[in-house]
Protein backbone atom coordinates (compact mmCIF):
# COMPACT_ATOMS: atom_id res chain seq x y z
CA GLN A 1 0.00 0.00 0.00
CA VAL A 2 1.38 3.38 -1.03
CA GLN A 3 1.33 6.20 1.48
CA LEU A 4 1.84 9.86 0.61
CA VAL A 5 2.47 12.62 3.11
CA GLU A 6 2.65 16.29 2.12
CA SER A 7 4.40 19.02 4.06
CA GLY A 8 5.56 22.59 3.62
CA GLY A 9 2.27 24.44 3.54
CA GLY A 10 1.63 27.62 5.47
CA LEU A 11 0.80 31.30 5.29
CA VAL A 12 2.67 33.43 2.78
CA GLN A 13 2.25 36.95 1.48
CA PRO A 14 1.30 37.64 -2.14
CA GLY A 15 4.38 37.48 -4.32
CA GLY A 16 6.09 35.08 -1.95
CA SER A 17 7.26 31.50 -2.42
CA LEU A 18 6.70 28.12 -0.82
CA LYS A 19 8.04 24.66 -1.54
CA LEU A 20 5.82 21.70 -0.85
CA SER A 21 7.19 18.22 -0.33
CA CYS A 22 5.58 14.82 -0.69
CA VAL A 23 7.18 11.69 0.70
CA HIS A 24 6.17 8.38 -0.86
CA SER A 25 6.40 5.01 0.88
CA GLY A 26 5.18 1.48 0.35
CA HIS A 27 6.15 0.73 -3.25
CA THR A 28 8.89 1.57 -5.71
CA PHE A 29 8.62 5.32 -6.09
CA ALA A 30 10.17 5.37 -9.55
CA GLU A 31 7.25 3.35 -10.94
CA TYR A 32 4.82 6.20 -10.34
CA THR A 33 3.86 9.38 -12.06
CA MET A 34 3.43 12.03 -9.39
CA GLY A 35 0.78 14.69 -9.56
CA TRP A 36 -0.18 17.76 -7.56
CA PHE A 37 -3.75 18.99 -7.22
CA ARG A 38 -5.38 21.66 -5.12
CA GLN A 39 -8.83 22.35 -3.77
CA ALA A 40 -10.16 25.65 -2.56
CA PRO A 41 -13.31 25.85 -0.38
CA GLY A 42 -16.42 25.30 -2.44
CA LYS A 43 -14.46 24.45 -5.59
CA GLU A 44 -13.56 21.33 -7.51
CA ARG A 45 -10.16 19.73 -7.05
CA GLU A 46 -7.93 21.33 -9.67
CA PHE A 47 -4.90 19.94 -11.50
CA VAL A 48 -1.67 21.77 -10.69
CA GLY A 49 1.06 19.66 -12.24
CA ALA A 50 2.44 16.21 -12.94
CA ILE A 51 5.85 14.67 -13.48
CA SER A 52 6.71 11.37 -15.11
CA TRP A 53 8.73 8.71 -13.31
CA SER A 54 11.89 9.81 -15.14
CA ALA A 55 11.18 13.53 -14.64
CA TYR A 56 11.56 13.89 -18.40
CA THR A 57 7.93 14.92 -18.90
CA ARG A 58 6.09 17.56 -16.89
CA TYR A 59 2.71 19.17 -17.30
CA TYR A 60 1.14 22.13 -15.55
CA GLY A 61 -2.29 23.58 -15.13
CA ASP A 62 -2.87 26.83 -17.00
CA SER A 63 -3.27 28.88 -13.83
CA VAL A 64 0.20 28.00 -12.54
CA LYS A 65 2.33 27.80 -15.68
CA GLY A 66 5.46 29.89 -15.36
CA ARG A 67 5.13 30.20 -11.58
CA PHE A 68 5.15 26.63 -10.24
CA THR A 69 7.73 23.92 -10.85
CA ILE A 70 7.31 20.25 -10.09
CA SER A 71 10.31 18.01 -9.46
CA ARG A 72 11.19 14.69 -7.89
CA ASP A 73 14.12 12.84 -6.34
CA ASN A 74 13.78 9.11 -6.89
CA THR A 75 16.69 8.40 -4.53
CA LYS A 76 14.74 10.00 -1.67
CA ASN A 77 11.21 8.96 -2.68
CA MET A 78 10.25 12.61 -2.74
CA ALA A 79 8.22 14.87 -5.00
CA TYR A 80 8.27 18.64 -4.75
CA LEU A 81 6.20 21.61 -5.81
CA GLN A 82 8.06 24.91 -5.90
CA MET A 83 5.56 27.78 -5.92
CA ASN A 84 6.72 31.27 -6.80
CA ASN A 85 4.92 34.58 -7.19
CA LEU A 86 2.02 33.28 -5.17
CA LYS A 87 -1.37 34.95 -5.48
CA PRO A 88 -4.38 34.97 -3.14
CA GLU A 89 -6.21 32.73 -5.62
CA ASP A 90 -3.57 30.05 -5.02
CA THR A 91 -5.01 29.57 -1.54
CA ALA A 92 -6.13 25.95 -1.25
CA VAL A 93 -5.37 22.58 0.21
CA TYR A 94 -2.65 21.00 -1.92
CA TYR A 95 -2.57 17.26 -2.50
CA CYS A 96 0.06 15.02 -4.00
CA ALA A 97 -1.02 11.92 -5.85
CA ALA A 98 0.64 8.85 -7.35
CA GLY A 99 -0.43 6.80 -10.32
CA THR A 100 1.14 4.09 -12.43
CA LEU A 101 -0.45 5.45 -15.62
CA ILE A 102 0.21 2.19 -17.39
CA GLY A 103 -1.22 3.59 -20.61
CA GLY A 104 1.37 6.35 -20.65
CA LEU A 105 1.48 9.97 -19.57
CA ASN A 106 0.08 12.72 -21.76
CA GLU A 107 -1.35 16.12 -21.04
CA VAL A 108 -4.94 14.92 -20.86
CA VAL A 109 -4.26 11.92 -18.65
CA ALA A 110 -2.04 13.95 -16.32
CA GLY A 111 -4.89 16.24 -15.41
CA LEU A 112 -7.46 13.57 -14.57
CA LYS A 113 -8.02 12.73 -10.91
CA SER A 114 -8.95 9.21 -11.98
CA SER A 115 -5.40 8.67 -13.31
CA TYR A 116 -4.06 8.55 -9.77
CA ASP A 117 -4.41 5.63 -7.41
CA TYR A 118 -3.10 7.14 -4.19
CA TRP A 119 -3.55 10.51 -2.50
CA GLY A 120 -2.02 12.30 0.41
CA GLN A 121 -4.00 14.01 3.15
CA GLY A 122 -3.21 17.50 1.88
CA THR A 123 -1.41 20.56 3.17
CA GLN A 124 -2.95 24.01 3.51
CA VAL A 125 -1.48 26.94 1.59
CA THR A 126 -2.83 30.39 2.39
CA VAL A 127 -1.75 33.45 0.44
CA ALA A 128 -2.74 36.64 2.21
CA SER A 129 -1.31 39.90 3.44
């Protein structure tokens, strides 16, 4: 059974930065595509980004392109989400997710919640002055 635990959330001022971490345990980390999603109160869970097992392929949601960067370290079983130039509308609970995506990773599949088999409990990010 895969377990995912996020950390690094908190309160940050607009224009600031945060780096979220996600530790993966239970199965071979390198077999999984890792995704990040977020959910604001009263809204649907939204795709933020995804990274293939090799880190060669990455996709981002339109609202975060150019500001957020997803990365991973397969030697540490860790995935990361670097968030820069944060805006109040980035306020949400951020979730990491893991999926085998046996059919392959593409931009459409990356953004589907159903592509991921395991989810973390989430970490709160609040952007406010």
